[in-house]
Each structure stands twice: as C-alpha cells, then as structure tokens.
Amino acid sequence: MSIVEQTLSNLRLLKLSGMADTYTLQLDQPKLNAKSFDERFAMLVDYEITNRETRRIQRFIKSAGFPERCSLEDLDDRPSRDLDKPLISTLATCEWIHRKQNLTIRGATGTGKTWLGTAIGTQACRLGISVIYIRSNQLLSDIATALADGSLASLKTKLIKPALLVIDDFGHGQINISVGHVLLDIIDQRMRSGSLLFTTQYPFEQWHDLFPDPTLADAILDRVVHQSHVLHLKGESMRKLRAKKKLTDR
C-alpha cells in the first residue's frame, strides 16, 4: 500500500471523510501543487468542517420527520396570497425559537399551511435547531396509546426535548379529557424548553369547541397564544393552483 493509500485509509478510519475527499481532489488536480502546504492543509480542514455541518443538518432534517422537502427559498409569494413578507423574513431567522416564542399558521384548506410550517421547520434545522414534526391526529393517537400501554414518560420526553415542536393541522376531532390533560402538560413543559408551531384552519376562539372542559381549553390557549406570532394564509388553494399548472403544462 502506497503512502497516499495509507493516508486516505487512515483518514477514513478516523472518520475524517471530508478531509479524505478533499485530499483525493487535490491529488486529481496537479495545479493545486502550486499552493503551499498550509494552504492545502487549510482546504482539508475547511472541507471537513463543512462536510460535518452538512451531515449534521441532514440528520436534523431526517429526525424531524417532515412529510415533504420544503424550503423558504421556494416560497410562492405571488401577490394574491397576500403574505406578510416582513414577518416571514423575521421568522426565517428563527430568533423567535431562541426566545421560546410560538407560531401559529392559520388558513383555509389547501392554502399551504403544512408546506410553510415544514419550510420554517427545515430552516430551523439548517440553523442547528432540533425539530420534531407531527400531525395533530397522530399526536392525539400517540398520547392515547401511551396512556394505555404505560409509555407516556417516553413520549413526553420525545415531544418536550426538541427546541421546536411542529403540530400540523390542529383542530380535527374532539380531544377527550385524559388526552387533553396530557397535551396541556406537554405544552406547559414546552413553554420552558422551547417553542411550538401550530398549523390550523381555526381561529383561536374556536379552539374551545375541541375540548370537553372549557377550563382545560383556557389553560392550553393561554400557553399557546402567549408570545405567539400569527401568520394568516389567504388566497386560492395551492393544490388547485398546482393541478391547474399541471394541466397547462401538458
């Protein structure tokens, strides 16, 4: 084995794959030999750092469990949607998460609530912020199951630990009293550990109808609305617009 092969093998053994890839690139580009040892070594280190950060972000995005790939760079901001662009720009910094504030994205069916919530969650992952995405009906089902099989402590840890919990499509179906109290406990603990992002069709005043106990509803609303940003999506259904575009493109 040559010294080059041995070096590459050792780099990969040390899990320095970024440095190994850059070293191979340098070997394949003779013009880089004109650079000093310090310059070439700096390239190896820089690429290793970049490679590790990229993999870290990919792990964050994968573990978040988003339903689709979305990016704020691809946001459809046509005038008919009447988007609050200054607010979206502010939200994109994710400073609101560092300050443990909340966000509610509201709009009619098909206006892009899930897409935007996922895009903002993905942006948080890019900035090194831990995120968990879950649909509301799945969350309520998981809580009910955990109550029945004794795994509630584990579920709570999963939902409370990340800096941002995205609860998508909140408001479908009644929430029974036992599940509601667990949901309140999760939300209450999250107020100290991080932020919540809700997507929903319903304004806050209609959330009371989801709970059998108005006191429970008040307690949850008090915590969710507290220091919460609200983004209201308007305009025609994005699903209909995409369907029209497919027909036009044929």
C-alpha atoms as a PDB file:
ATOM      1  CA  MET A   1       0.000   0.000   0.000  1.00  0.00           C
ATOM      2  CA  SER A   2       1.395   3.396  -1.008  1.00  0.00           C
ATOM      3  CA  ILE A   3       1.745   6.265   1.446  1.00  0.00           C
ATOM      4  CA  VAL A   4      -1.159   8.043  -0.280  1.00  0.00           C
ATOM      5  CA  GLU A   5      -3.413   4.991   0.041  1.00  0.00           C
ATOM      6  CA  GLN A   6      -2.357   4.573   3.662  1.00  0.00           C
ATOM      7  CA  THR A   7      -3.128   8.231   4.403  1.00  0.00           C
ATOM      8  CA  LEU A   8      -6.566   8.014   2.805  1.00  0.00           C
ATOM      9  CA  SER A   9      -7.290   4.805   4.700  1.00  0.00           C
ATOM     10  CA  ASN A  10      -6.242   6.392   7.996  1.00  0.00           C
ATOM     11  CA  LEU A  11      -8.364   9.490   7.359  1.00  0.00           C
ATOM     12  CA  ARG A  12     -11.433   7.346   6.779  1.00  0.00           C
ATOM     13  CA  LEU A  13     -10.566   5.190   9.790  1.00  0.00           C
ATOM     14  CA  LEU A  14     -10.582   8.383  11.856  1.00  0.00           C
ATOM     15  CA  LYS A  15     -13.954   9.267  10.268  1.00  0.00           C
ATOM     16  CA  LEU A  16     -12.442  12.301   8.539  1.00  0.00           C
ATOM     17  CA  SER A  17     -14.221  11.599   5.267  1.00  0.00           C
ATOM     18  CA  GLY A  18     -14.328  15.283   4.324  1.00  0.00           C
ATOM     19  CA  MET A  19     -10.553  15.556   4.545  1.00  0.00           C
ATOM     20  CA  ALA A  20     -10.142  12.282   2.642  1.00  0.00           C
ATOM     21  CA  ASP A  21     -12.385  13.510  -0.191  1.00  0.00           C
ATOM     22  CA  THR A  22     -10.552  16.831  -0.416  1.00  0.00           C
ATOM     23  CA  TYR A  23      -7.160  15.119  -0.337  1.00  0.00           C
ATOM     24  CA  THR A  24      -8.276  12.945  -3.260  1.00  0.00           C
ATOM     25  CA  LEU A  25      -9.466  16.087  -5.073  1.00  0.00           C
ATOM     26  CA  GLN A  26      -6.064  17.703  -4.548  1.00  0.00           C
ATOM     27  CA  LEU A  27      -4.316  14.632  -5.944  1.00  0.00           C
ATOM     28  CA  ASP A  28      -6.532  14.797  -9.043  1.00  0.00           C
ATOM     29  CA  GLN A  29      -5.739  18.477  -9.658  1.00  0.00           C
ATOM     30  CA  PRO A  30      -1.991  18.951 -10.144  1.00  0.00           C
ATOM     31  CA  LYS A  31      -2.372  22.764 -10.277  1.00  0.00           C
ATOM     32  CA  LEU A  32      -3.071  22.677  -6.531  1.00  0.00           C
ATOM     33  CA  ASN A  33       0.531  21.563  -6.003  1.00  0.00           C
ATOM     34  CA  ALA A  34       1.468  25.188  -6.560  1.00  0.00           C
ATOM     35  CA  LYS A  35      -0.200  26.059  -3.279  1.00  0.00           C
ATOM     36  CA  SER A  36       1.723  25.920  -0.035  1.00  0.00           C
ATOM     37  CA  PHE A  37       1.348  23.082   2.455  1.00  0.00           C
ATOM     38  CA  ASP A  38      -0.503  25.421   4.839  1.00  0.00           C
ATOM     39  CA  GLU A  39      -2.995  26.416   2.121  1.00  0.00           C
ATOM     40  CA  ARG A  40      -3.636  22.836   1.110  1.00  0.00           C
ATOM     41  CA  PHE A  41      -3.987  21.688   4.716  1.00  0.00           C
ATOM     42  CA  ALA A  42      -6.407  24.559   5.394  1.00  0.00           C
ATOM     43  CA  MET A  43      -8.528  23.322   2.487  1.00  0.00           C
ATOM     44  CA  LEU A  44      -8.670  19.863   4.059  1.00  0.00           C
ATOM     45  CA  VAL A  45      -9.738  21.239   7.431  1.00  0.00           C
ATOM     46  CA  ASP A  46     -12.309  23.642   5.950  1.00  0.00           C
ATOM     47  CA  TYR A  47     -13.940  20.906   3.889  1.00  0.00           C
ATOM     48  CA  GLU A  48     -14.056  18.559   6.866  1.00  0.00           C
ATOM     49  CA  ILE A  49     -15.873  21.215   8.905  1.00  0.00           C
ATOM     50  CA  THR A  50     -18.306  21.905   6.044  1.00  0.00           C
ATOM     51  CA  ASN A  51     -18.898  18.187   5.499  1.00  0.00           C
ATOM     52  CA  ARG A  52     -19.651  17.578   9.170  1.00  0.00           C
ATOM     53  CA  GLU A  53     -22.037  20.528   9.328  1.00  0.00           C
ATOM     54  CA  THR A  54     -23.863  19.313   6.201  1.00  0.00           C
ATOM     55  CA  ARG A  55     -24.268  15.839   7.653  1.00  0.00           C
ATOM     56  CA  ARG A  56     -25.429  17.314  10.965  1.00  0.00           C
ATOM     57  CA  ILE A  57     -28.133  19.340   9.202  1.00  0.00           C
ATOM     58  CA  GLN A  58     -29.196  16.281   7.209  1.00  0.00           C
ATOM     59  CA  ARG A  59     -29.548  14.317  10.454  1.00  0.00           C
ATOM     60  CA  PHE A  60     -31.654  17.100  11.977  1.00  0.00           C
ATOM     61  CA  ILE A  61     -33.954  17.198   8.943  1.00  0.00           C
ATOM     62  CA  LYS A  62     -34.288  13.413   8.806  1.00  0.00           C
ATOM     63  CA  SER A  63     -35.017  13.041  12.526  1.00  0.00           C
ATOM     64  CA  ALA A  64     -37.629  15.847  12.383  1.00  0.00           C
ATOM     65  CA  GLY A  65     -39.918  13.596  10.313  1.00  0.00           C
ATOM     66  CA  PHE A  66     -41.164  16.227   7.862  1.00  0.00           C
ATOM     67  CA  PRO A  67     -43.773  14.982   5.354  1.00  0.00           C
ATOM     68  CA  GLU A  68     -42.041  16.573   2.365  1.00  0.00           C
ATOM     69  CA  ARG A  69     -38.991  18.576   1.327  1.00  0.00           C
ATOM     70  CA  CYS A  70     -39.704  22.295   1.573  1.00  0.00           C
ATOM     71  CA  SER A  71     -37.513  25.372   1.554  1.00  0.00           C
ATOM     72  CA  LEU A  72     -38.334  29.010   2.170  1.00  0.00           C
ATOM     73  CA  GLU A  73     -36.342  29.824  -0.972  1.00  0.00           C
ATOM     74  CA  ASP A  74     -39.139  28.132  -2.939  1.00  0.00           C
ATOM     75  CA  LEU A  75     -41.948  30.048  -1.245  1.00  0.00           C
ATOM     76  CA  ASP A  76     -44.722  31.063  -3.652  1.00  0.00           C
ATOM     77  CA  ASP A  77     -45.137  34.738  -2.782  1.00  0.00           C
ATOM     78  CA  ARG A  78     -47.477  35.814  -5.592  1.00  0.00           C
ATOM     79  CA  PRO A  79     -49.479  38.953  -4.670  1.00  0.00           C
ATOM     80  CA  SER A  80     -52.795  37.047  -4.494  1.00  0.00           C
ATOM     81  CA  ARG A  81     -51.547  35.205  -1.404  1.00  0.00           C
ATOM     82  CA  ASP A  82     -51.096  38.485   0.467  1.00  0.00           C
ATOM     83  CA  LEU A  83     -48.227  37.066   2.520  1.00  0.00           C
ATOM     84  CA  ASP A  84     -46.758  39.008   5.417  1.00  0.00           C
ATOM     85  CA  LYS A  85     -43.259  39.026   3.930  1.00  0.00           C
ATOM     86  CA  PRO A  86     -41.610  41.060   6.720  1.00  0.00           C
ATOM     87  CA  LEU A  87     -42.944  38.592   9.302  1.00  0.00           C
ATOM     88  CA  ILE A  88     -41.789  35.591   7.256  1.00  0.00           C
ATOM     89  CA  SER A  89     -38.322  37.147   6.950  1.00  0.00           C
ATOM     90  CA  THR A  90     -38.247  37.620  10.713  1.00  0.00           C
ATOM     91  CA  LEU A  91     -39.415  34.051  11.322  1.00  0.00           C
ATOM     92  CA  ALA A  92     -36.719  32.742   8.963  1.00  0.00           C
ATOM     93  CA  THR A  93     -34.027  33.944  11.377  1.00  0.00           C
ATOM     94  CA  CYS A  94     -35.512  31.573  13.996  1.00  0.00           C
ATOM     95  CA  GLU A  95     -34.722  34.085  16.718  1.00  0.00           C
ATOM     96  CA  TRP A  96     -38.300  33.520  17.926  1.00  0.00           C
ATOM     97  CA  ILE A  97     -37.335  29.928  18.746  1.00  0.00           C
ATOM     98  CA  HIS A  98     -34.317  31.037  20.754  1.00  0.00           C
ATOM     99  CA  ARG A  99     -36.679  33.325  22.671  1.00  0.00           C
ATOM    100  CA  LYS A 100     -39.111  30.418  23.237  1.00  0.00           C
ATOM    101  CA  GLN A 101     -41.934  32.134  21.387  1.00  0.00           C
ATOM    102  CA  ASN A 102     -44.661  30.333  19.436  1.00  0.00           C
ATOM    103  CA  LEU A 103     -46.032  30.499  15.897  1.00  0.00           C
ATOM    104  CA  THR A 104     -49.489  29.694  14.568  1.00  0.00           C
ATOM    105  CA  ILE A 105     -50.033  29.425  10.814  1.00  0.00           C
ATOM    106  CA  ARG A 106     -53.730  29.699  10.004  1.00  0.00           C
ATOM    107  CA  GLY A 107     -55.601  29.393   6.728  1.00  0.00           C
ATOM    108  CA  ALA A 108     -58.244  27.521   4.787  1.00  0.00           C
ATOM    109  CA  THR A 109     -57.693  24.042   3.402  1.00  0.00           C
ATOM    110  CA  GLY A 110     -55.057  23.942   0.691  1.00  0.00           C
ATOM    111  CA  THR A 111     -53.542  27.387   1.326  1.00  0.00           C
ATOM    112  CA  GLY A 112     -50.125  25.912   2.104  1.00  0.00           C
ATOM    113  CA  LYS A 113     -50.088  25.735   5.908  1.00  0.00           C
ATOM    114  CA  THR A 114     -48.280  22.390   6.066  1.00  0.00           C
ATOM    115  CA  TRP A 115     -45.833  23.443   3.368  1.00  0.00           C
ATOM    116  CA  LEU A 116     -44.909  26.686   5.117  1.00  0.00           C
ATOM    117  CA  GLY A 117     -44.737  25.058   8.548  1.00  0.00           C
ATOM    118  CA  THR A 118     -42.404  22.412   7.118  1.00  0.00           C
ATOM    119  CA  ALA A 119     -40.282  25.046   5.356  1.00  0.00           C
ATOM    120  CA  ILE A 120     -39.868  27.046   8.567  1.00  0.00           C
ATOM    121  CA  GLY A 121     -39.070  23.851  10.472  1.00  0.00           C
ATOM    122  CA  THR A 122     -36.492  22.934   7.844  1.00  0.00           C
ATOM    123  CA  GLN A 123     -34.961  26.399   8.137  1.00  0.00           C
ATOM    124  CA  ALA A 124     -34.630  25.817  11.886  1.00  0.00           C
ATOM    125  CA  CYS A 125     -32.820  22.524  11.217  1.00  0.00           C
ATOM    126  CA  ARG A 126     -30.411  24.338   8.887  1.00  0.00           C
ATOM    127  CA  LEU A 127     -29.577  26.678  11.745  1.00  0.00           C
ATOM    128  CA  GLY A 128     -28.808  23.759  14.043  1.00  0.00           C
ATOM    129  CA  ILE A 129     -32.122  23.786  15.920  1.00  0.00           C
ATOM    130  CA  SER A 130     -33.709  20.450  16.843  1.00  0.00           C
ATOM    131  CA  VAL A 131     -37.240  19.939  15.496  1.00  0.00           C
ATOM    132  CA  ILE A 132     -39.970  17.296  15.698  1.00  0.00           C
ATOM    133  CA  TYR A 133     -42.899  17.357  13.254  1.00  0.00           C
ATOM    134  CA  ILE A 134     -46.142  15.523  13.990  1.00  0.00           C
ATOM    135  CA  ARG A 135     -49.673  15.712  12.651  1.00  0.00           C
ATOM    136  CA  SER A 136     -52.284  16.587  15.253  1.00  0.00           C
ATOM    137  CA  ASN A 137     -54.337  13.404  14.817  1.00  0.00           C
ATOM    138  CA  GLN A 138     -51.182  11.292  15.155  1.00  0.00           C
ATOM    139  CA  LEU A 139     -50.172  13.197  18.284  1.00  0.00           C
ATOM    140  CA  LEU A 140     -53.547  12.601  19.929  1.00  0.00           C
ATOM    141  CA  SER A 141     -53.455   8.929  18.925  1.00  0.00           C
ATOM    142  CA  ASP A 142     -49.920   8.539  20.305  1.00  0.00           C
ATOM    143  CA  ILE A 143     -50.968  10.099  23.613  1.00  0.00           C
ATOM    144  CA  ALA A 144     -53.968   7.772  23.911  1.00  0.00           C
ATOM    145  CA  THR A 145     -51.771   4.753  23.142  1.00  0.00           C
ATOM    146  CA  ALA A 146     -49.122   5.871  25.625  1.00  0.00           C
ATOM    147  CA  LEU A 147     -51.758   6.237  28.337  1.00  0.00           C
ATOM    148  CA  ALA A 148     -52.893   2.692  27.661  1.00  0.00           C
ATOM    149  CA  ASP A 149     -49.524   0.924  27.435  1.00  0.00           C
ATOM    150  CA  GLY A 150     -47.559   2.889  30.043  1.00  0.00           C
ATOM    151  CA  SER A 151     -45.135   4.580  27.630  1.00  0.00           C
ATOM    152  CA  LEU A 152     -46.256   8.123  28.417  1.00  0.00           C
ATOM    153  CA  ALA A 153     -42.972   9.192  30.019  1.00  0.00           C
ATOM    154  CA  SER A 154     -41.038   8.203  26.896  1.00  0.00           C
ATOM    155  CA  LEU A 155     -43.486  10.019  24.596  1.00  0.00           C
ATOM    156  CA  LYS A 156     -43.343  13.167  26.711  1.00  0.00           C
ATOM    157  CA  THR A 157     -39.536  13.180  26.588  1.00  0.00           C
ATOM    158  CA  LYS A 158     -39.627  12.865  22.788  1.00  0.00           C
ATOM    159  CA  LEU A 159     -42.053  15.776  22.426  1.00  0.00           C
ATOM    160  CA  ILE A 160     -40.565  18.077  25.065  1.00  0.00           C
ATOM    161  CA  LYS A 161     -36.865  17.679  24.247  1.00  0.00           C
ATOM    162  CA  PRO A 162     -36.584  19.393  20.805  1.00  0.00           C
ATOM    163  CA  ALA A 163     -36.314  23.167  20.594  1.00  0.00           C
ATOM    164  CA  LEU A 164     -39.295  23.277  18.201  1.00  0.00           C
ATOM    165  CA  LEU A 165     -42.369  21.051  18.101  1.00  0.00           C
ATOM    166  CA  VAL A 166     -44.461  21.393  14.929  1.00  0.00           C
ATOM    167  CA  ILE A 167     -48.082  20.271  15.384  1.00  0.00           C
ATOM    168  CA  ASP A 168     -49.701  20.182  11.969  1.00  0.00           C
ATOM    169  CA  ASP A 169     -53.406  20.509  11.153  1.00  0.00           C
ATOM    170  CA  PHE A 170     -54.571  21.100  14.702  1.00  0.00           C
ATOM    171  CA  GLY A 171     -58.323  21.095  15.260  1.00  0.00           C
ATOM    172  CA  HIS A 172     -59.678  17.936  13.639  1.00  0.00           C
ATOM    173  CA  GLY A 173     -61.742  15.841  16.024  1.00  0.00           C
ATOM    174  CA  GLN A 174     -62.660  16.142  19.668  1.00  0.00           C
ATOM    175  CA  ILE A 175     -59.982  15.774  22.347  1.00  0.00           C
ATOM    176  CA  ASN A 176     -61.055  13.655  25.321  1.00  0.00           C
ATOM    177  CA  ILE A 177     -60.334  14.811  28.847  1.00  0.00           C
ATOM    178  CA  SER A 178     -57.434  12.401  29.584  1.00  0.00           C
ATOM    179  CA  VAL A 179     -55.617  13.159  26.338  1.00  0.00           C
ATOM    180  CA  GLY A 180     -56.320  16.863  26.822  1.00  0.00           C
ATOM    181  CA  HIS A 181     -54.641  16.944  30.221  1.00  0.00           C
ATOM    182  CA  VAL A 182     -51.554  15.203  28.839  1.00  0.00           C
ATOM    183  CA  LEU A 183     -51.481  17.670  25.942  1.00  0.00           C
ATOM    184  CA  LEU A 184     -51.657  20.529  28.444  1.00  0.00           C
ATOM    185  CA  ASP A 185     -48.767  19.054  30.427  1.00  0.00           C
ATOM    186  CA  ILE A 186     -46.650  18.710  27.269  1.00  0.00           C
ATOM    187  CA  ILE A 187     -47.417  22.271  26.187  1.00  0.00           C
ATOM    188  CA  ASP A 188     -46.776  23.580  29.694  1.00  0.00           C
ATOM    189  CA  GLN A 189     -43.351  21.920  29.888  1.00  0.00           C
ATOM    190  CA  ARG A 190     -42.518  23.049  26.375  1.00  0.00           C
ATOM    191  CA  MET A 191     -43.007  26.659  27.412  1.00  0.00           C
ATOM    192  CA  ARG A 192     -39.769  26.256  29.373  1.00  0.00           C
ATOM    193  CA  SER A 193     -37.893  24.065  26.896  1.00  0.00           C
ATOM    194  CA  GLY A 194     -38.662  25.623  23.522  1.00  0.00           C
ATOM    195  CA  SER A 195     -41.278  26.711  21.007  1.00  0.00           C
ATOM    196  CA  LEU A 196     -44.455  25.429  19.385  1.00  0.00           C
ATOM    197  CA  LEU A 197     -45.550  25.807  15.775  1.00  0.00           C
ATOM    198  CA  PHE A 198     -49.211  25.059  15.050  1.00  0.00           C
ATOM    199  CA  THR A 199     -50.876  24.929  11.660  1.00  0.00           C
ATOM    200  CA  THR A 200     -54.665  25.090  11.793  1.00  0.00           C
ATOM    201  CA  GLN A 201     -57.798  26.082   9.923  1.00  0.00           C
ATOM    202  CA  TYR A 202     -59.397  27.512  13.024  1.00  0.00           C
ATOM    203  CA  PRO A 203     -59.000  30.863  14.799  1.00  0.00           C
ATOM    204  CA  PHE A 204     -58.127  30.650  18.493  1.00  0.00           C
ATOM    205  CA  GLU A 205     -61.680  31.462  19.620  1.00  0.00           C
ATOM    206  CA  GLN A 206     -62.908  28.223  18.009  1.00  0.00           C
ATOM    207  CA  TRP A 207     -60.375  26.030  19.814  1.00  0.00           C
ATOM    208  CA  HIS A 208     -62.653  25.866  22.854  1.00  0.00           C
ATOM    209  CA  ASP A 209     -65.003  23.627  20.860  1.00  0.00           C
ATOM    210  CA  LEU A 210     -62.276  20.977  20.624  1.00  0.00           C
ATOM    211  CA  PHE A 211     -62.127  20.343  24.359  1.00  0.00           C
ATOM    212  CA  PRO A 212     -64.772  18.873  26.693  1.00  0.00           C
ATOM    213  CA  ASP A 213     -63.624  21.126  29.545  1.00  0.00           C
ATOM    214  CA  PRO A 214     -63.555  24.918  28.978  1.00  0.00           C
ATOM    215  CA  THR A 215     -61.029  25.320  31.814  1.00  0.00           C
ATOM    216  CA  LEU A 216     -58.665  22.951  30.020  1.00  0.00           C
ATOM    217  CA  ALA A 217     -59.171  24.853  26.771  1.00  0.00           C
ATOM    218  CA  ASP A 218     -58.417  28.155  28.516  1.00  0.00           C
ATOM    219  CA  ALA A 219     -55.232  26.750  30.033  1.00  0.00           C
ATOM    220  CA  ILE A 220     -53.932  25.470  26.690  1.00  0.00           C
ATOM    221  CA  LEU A 221     -54.884  28.644  24.832  1.00  0.00           C
ATOM    222  CA  ASP A 222     -53.206  30.795  27.459  1.00  0.00           C
ATOM    223  CA  ARG A 223     -49.930  28.983  26.880  1.00  0.00           C
ATOM    224  CA  VAL A 224     -50.159  28.721  23.091  1.00  0.00           C
ATOM    225  CA  VAL A 225     -51.194  32.326  22.492  1.00  0.00           C
ATOM    226  CA  HIS A 226     -48.636  33.661  24.959  1.00  0.00           C
ATOM    227  CA  GLN A 227     -45.932  35.475  22.943  1.00  0.00           C
ATOM    228  CA  SER A 228     -47.237  33.848  19.765  1.00  0.00           C
ATOM    229  CA  HIS A 229     -46.736  35.081  16.222  1.00  0.00           C
ATOM    230  CA  VAL A 230     -49.736  34.518  13.944  1.00  0.00           C
ATOM    231  CA  LEU A 231     -49.423  34.109  10.197  1.00  0.00           C
ATOM    232  CA  HIS A 232     -52.678  34.064   8.226  1.00  0.00           C
ATOM    233  CA  LEU A 233     -52.537  32.475   4.769  1.00  0.00           C
ATOM    234  CA  LYS A 234     -55.042  33.656   2.196  1.00  0.00           C
ATOM    235  CA  GLY A 235     -55.779  33.148  -1.467  1.00  0.00           C
ATOM    236  CA  GLU A 236     -56.820  30.249  -3.664  1.00  0.00           C
ATOM    237  CA  SER A 237     -55.972  26.670  -2.723  1.00  0.00           C
ATOM    238  CA  MET A 238     -52.362  25.903  -3.647  1.00  0.00           C
ATOM    239  CA  ARG A 239     -53.409  22.349  -4.508  1.00  0.00           C
ATOM    240  CA  LYS A 240     -55.870  23.660  -7.087  1.00  0.00           C
ATOM    241  CA  LEU A 241     -53.245  26.021  -8.497  1.00  0.00           C
ATOM    242  CA  ARG A 242     -50.726  23.183  -8.842  1.00  0.00           C
ATOM    243  CA  ALA A 243     -53.353  20.998 -10.508  1.00  0.00           C
ATOM    244  CA  LYS A 244     -54.153  23.787 -12.986  1.00  0.00           C
ATOM    245  CA  LYS A 245     -50.461  24.244 -13.726  1.00  0.00           C
ATOM    246  CA  LYS A 246     -50.037  20.530 -14.475  1.00  0.00           C
ATOM    247  CA  LEU A 247     -52.925  20.662 -16.915  1.00  0.00           C
ATOM    248  CA  THR A 248     -51.469  23.778 -18.562  1.00  0.00           C
ATOM    249  CA  ASP A 249     -48.009  22.203 -18.854  1.00  0.00           C
ATOM    250  CA  ARG A 250     -49.307  19.127 -20.651  1.00  0.00           C
END
